[in-house]
Amino acid sequence: LVSALQTNTSLKKLDVSQNNDITSKGGGLLLKLVNDISSIKATMQSNHTLQTIVLPELDDDYQIYIYDALRFNVDYYPRRPGPLKVKGAQLHSRQRAVMCR
C-alpha cells in the first residue's frame, strides 16, 4: 500500500481505521510516506497530496508525527509543503532523533 502511494497525486484521504493489524513498522512506513526524513531530498519527495489518514489507535508516537506531517499537506496544498517539512523535521534535531527510531 505504501509503495503504491509514493507517487500518488490524487488521493487525499486514506481510511485504514478498520485495520487493527497495523504494527509499529506499518506506522513507521506511513510516516515515511508523508514525511521521509532519511534525507532532505527524500523529505522533498514525500507524499504531499494525502491530507487525511484515518488510523486505528497506534501504541507509539507514529500517529502524532503522521498527523503533524499531514498538517503541512493540508495547510500548504496545492503549494509544495516540502520545504516546510524540511525545516520542521530536518532542522530540529530533537524531533528528528525521535522520528528516526
C-alpha atoms as a PDB file:
ATOM      1  CA  LEU A   1       0.000   0.000   0.000  1.00  0.00           C
ATOM      2  CA  VAL A   2       2.700   2.473   0.986  1.00  0.00           C
ATOM      3  CA  SER A   3       4.789   1.844  -2.119  1.00  0.00           C
ATOM      4  CA  ALA A   4       1.714   2.365  -4.315  1.00  0.00           C
ATOM      5  CA  LEU A   5       1.084   5.726  -2.640  1.00  0.00           C
ATOM      6  CA  GLN A   6       4.640   7.001  -3.155  1.00  0.00           C
ATOM      7  CA  THR A   7       3.688   8.545  -6.479  1.00  0.00           C
ATOM      8  CA  ASN A   8       0.122   9.471  -5.500  1.00  0.00           C
ATOM      9  CA  THR A   9      -1.011  12.813  -6.856  1.00  0.00           C
ATOM     10  CA  SER A  10      -4.781  12.474  -6.449  1.00  0.00           C
ATOM     11  CA  LEU A  11      -5.791  10.543  -3.297  1.00  0.00           C
ATOM     12  CA  LYS A  12      -6.328  12.979  -0.426  1.00  0.00           C
ATOM     13  CA  LYS A  13      -7.899  10.688   2.188  1.00  0.00           C
ATOM     14  CA  LEU A  14      -6.913   7.179   3.243  1.00  0.00           C
ATOM     15  CA  ASP A  15      -9.007   5.306   5.818  1.00  0.00           C
ATOM     16  CA  VAL A  16      -7.284   2.310   7.369  1.00  0.00           C
ATOM     17  CA  SER A  17      -9.071   2.633  10.727  1.00  0.00           C
ATOM     18  CA  GLN A  18     -10.583  -0.848  10.470  1.00  0.00           C
ATOM     19  CA  ASN A  19      -7.162  -2.448  10.001  1.00  0.00           C
ATOM     20  CA  ASN A  20      -6.176  -3.290  13.556  1.00  0.00           C
ATOM     21  CA  ASP A  21      -3.170  -5.249  12.295  1.00  0.00           C
ATOM     22  CA  ILE A  22      -1.093  -2.122  11.624  1.00  0.00           C
ATOM     23  CA  THR A  23       2.100  -2.571  13.604  1.00  0.00           C
ATOM     24  CA  SER A  24       4.760  -0.078  14.640  1.00  0.00           C
ATOM     25  CA  LYS A  25       6.582  -0.985  11.444  1.00  0.00           C
ATOM     26  CA  GLY A  26       3.451  -0.113   9.440  1.00  0.00           C
ATOM     27  CA  GLY A  27       3.123   3.175  11.324  1.00  0.00           C
ATOM     28  CA  GLY A  28       6.748   3.922  10.512  1.00  0.00           C
ATOM     29  CA  LEU A  29       6.148   3.207   6.834  1.00  0.00           C
ATOM     30  CA  LEU A  30       3.118   5.500   6.758  1.00  0.00           C
ATOM     31  CA  LEU A  31       5.164   8.221   8.424  1.00  0.00           C
ATOM     32  CA  LYS A  32       7.930   7.730   5.879  1.00  0.00           C
ATOM     33  CA  LEU A  33       5.328   8.044   3.126  1.00  0.00           C
ATOM     34  CA  VAL A  34       4.188  11.506   4.232  1.00  0.00           C
ATOM     35  CA  ASN A  35       7.497  12.719   5.687  1.00  0.00           C
ATOM     36  CA  ASP A  36      10.590  10.703   4.751  1.00  0.00           C
ATOM     37  CA  ILE A  37      13.366  12.211   6.852  1.00  0.00           C
ATOM     38  CA  SER A  38      16.155   9.950   5.565  1.00  0.00           C
ATOM     39  CA  SER A  39      17.493  12.926   3.599  1.00  0.00           C
ATOM     40  CA  ILE A  40      16.449  16.416   2.570  1.00  0.00           C
ATOM     41  CA  LYS A  41      15.774  15.153  -0.948  1.00  0.00           C
ATOM     42  CA  ALA A  42      13.597  12.336   0.413  1.00  0.00           C
ATOM     43  CA  THR A  43      11.630  14.816   2.528  1.00  0.00           C
ATOM     44  CA  MET A  44      11.049  16.985  -0.530  1.00  0.00           C
ATOM     45  CA  GLN A  45       9.831  13.920  -2.471  1.00  0.00           C
ATOM     46  CA  SER A  46       7.483  12.695   0.286  1.00  0.00           C
ATOM     47  CA  ASN A  47       3.794  12.463  -0.473  1.00  0.00           C
ATOM     48  CA  HIS A  48       2.349  15.987  -0.244  1.00  0.00           C
ATOM     49  CA  THR A  49      -1.112  15.128  -1.622  1.00  0.00           C
ATOM     50  CA  LEU A  50      -2.547  12.999   1.199  1.00  0.00           C
ATOM     51  CA  GLN A  51      -4.315  15.248   3.672  1.00  0.00           C
ATOM     52  CA  THR A  52      -6.037  12.725   5.917  1.00  0.00           C
ATOM     53  CA  ILE A  53      -5.093   9.262   7.102  1.00  0.00           C
ATOM     54  CA  VAL A  54      -7.659   7.720   9.439  1.00  0.00           C
ATOM     55  CA  LEU A  55      -5.750   5.264  11.597  1.00  0.00           C
ATOM     56  CA  PRO A  56      -6.633   2.772  14.288  1.00  0.00           C
ATOM     57  CA  GLU A  57      -5.122   3.645  17.660  1.00  0.00           C
ATOM     58  CA  LEU A  58      -1.361   3.023  17.481  1.00  0.00           C
ATOM     59  CA  ASP A  59       0.730   2.235  20.556  1.00  0.00           C
ATOM     60  CA  ASP A  60       3.544   4.635  19.770  1.00  0.00           C
ATOM     61  CA  ASP A  61       4.312   8.187  18.656  1.00  0.00           C
ATOM     62  CA  TYR A  62       3.988   7.471  14.920  1.00  0.00           C
ATOM     63  CA  GLN A  63       0.383   8.626  14.895  1.00  0.00           C
ATOM     64  CA  ILE A  64       1.363  12.061  16.240  1.00  0.00           C
ATOM     65  CA  TYR A  65       4.137  12.512  13.679  1.00  0.00           C
ATOM     66  CA  ILE A  66       1.927  11.296  10.822  1.00  0.00           C
ATOM     67  CA  TYR A  67      -0.733  13.853  11.729  1.00  0.00           C
ATOM     68  CA  ASP A  68       1.914  16.590  12.044  1.00  0.00           C
ATOM     69  CA  ALA A  69       3.177  15.828   8.525  1.00  0.00           C
ATOM     70  CA  LEU A  70      -0.364  15.746   7.161  1.00  0.00           C
ATOM     71  CA  ARG A  71      -0.983  19.165   8.696  1.00  0.00           C
ATOM     72  CA  PHE A  72       1.671  20.583   6.342  1.00  0.00           C
ATOM     73  CA  ASN A  73      -0.101  18.925   3.413  1.00  0.00           C
ATOM     74  CA  VAL A  74      -3.438  20.464   4.412  1.00  0.00           C
ATOM     75  CA  ASP A  75      -2.149  23.929   5.265  1.00  0.00           C
ATOM     76  CA  TYR A  76       0.063  24.338   2.210  1.00  0.00           C
ATOM     77  CA  TYR A  77      -1.704  22.344  -0.530  1.00  0.00           C
ATOM     78  CA  PRO A  78      -1.559  22.830  -3.533  1.00  0.00           C
ATOM     79  CA  ARG A  79       1.691  24.711  -2.973  1.00  0.00           C
ATOM     80  CA  ARG A  80       4.575  22.425  -2.185  1.00  0.00           C
ATOM     81  CA  PRO A  81       4.798  21.829   1.575  1.00  0.00           C
ATOM     82  CA  GLY A  82       8.152  20.047   1.121  1.00  0.00           C
ATOM     83  CA  PRO A  83      10.371  22.979   2.149  1.00  0.00           C
ATOM     84  CA  LEU A  84       8.351  23.439   5.336  1.00  0.00           C
ATOM     85  CA  LYS A  85       8.613  19.724   6.120  1.00  0.00           C
ATOM     86  CA  VAL A  86      12.379  20.001   5.648  1.00  0.00           C
ATOM     87  CA  LYS A  87      12.508  22.927   8.040  1.00  0.00           C
ATOM     88  CA  GLY A  88      10.269  21.182  10.569  1.00  0.00           C
ATOM     89  CA  ALA A  89      11.873  17.731  10.501  1.00  0.00           C
ATOM     90  CA  GLN A  90      15.424  18.095   9.235  1.00  0.00           C
ATOM     91  CA  LEU A  91      16.413  21.194  11.191  1.00  0.00           C
ATOM     92  CA  HIS A  92      15.005  20.212  14.583  1.00  0.00           C
ATOM     93  CA  SER A  93      17.492  17.644  15.832  1.00  0.00           C
ATOM     94  CA  ARG A  94      15.466  16.526  18.870  1.00  0.00           C
ATOM     95  CA  GLN A  95      12.353  15.811  16.797  1.00  0.00           C
ATOM     96  CA  ARG A  96      14.455  14.208  14.062  1.00  0.00           C
ATOM     97  CA  ALA A  97      16.113  11.878  16.583  1.00  0.00           C
ATOM     98  CA  VAL A  98      12.722  10.717  17.840  1.00  0.00           C
ATOM     99  CA  MET A  99      11.388  10.204  14.320  1.00  0.00           C
ATOM    100  CA  CYS A 100      14.449   8.134  13.325  1.00  0.00           C
ATOM    101  CA  ARG A 101      13.736   5.474  15.974  1.00  0.00           C
END
